[in-house]
Amino acid sequence: EEFMETARGMSIIRKRQIPFPEAGGAALYRHLILKSIHEFNLSEEDAEKFAFRRCAMRWHPDKVMTAVGIRLLPEEYDEVGAKCVEVFREVQEEHKNRLRLRGTLPSGCD
C-alpha cells in the first residue's frame, strides 16, 4: 500500500521499484493469515478471507496495471504484468488449497 501512495507522485516507474513479494504470493498470503490471527484475533477461516482480500486488492494484475501501467517503461510493461499474474496465481492456488483441505472449496472452483 505504501508503494501505491508513493507511485502516485512518480512520472516513470521501473519494475525494480515495485515491491513484489520476494518469497512469492503463497508465502505472502500465509504471512498475512498468521498476522491477522495474532494481531486481529481472527479465526483461521476469517483470517484466510481477510488475507485473500488484501492480496487481491494489492496484487490483482488489473489493479496493479491500472495504478502503475501508464507510467511503466514500455519495455517493462509486459514483464510487470506477467509478474503480477504470477504472484496473484500463487495466492489463488494457496487459497484454493486451504479451502480444499478444509472441505469448503465451492464446486466448480477446481
Foldseek 3Di string as FASTA:
>chain_A
DVLLVVLVPDQADEPVSDCAPPVAQLVQLVVQLVCCCVVVVDDSVVSNVVSLVVCCCPQVLVNVCVSCVVRYDPVCNVVSSVSSVRRNVSSVVNSQVVCVVVVNRDPPPD
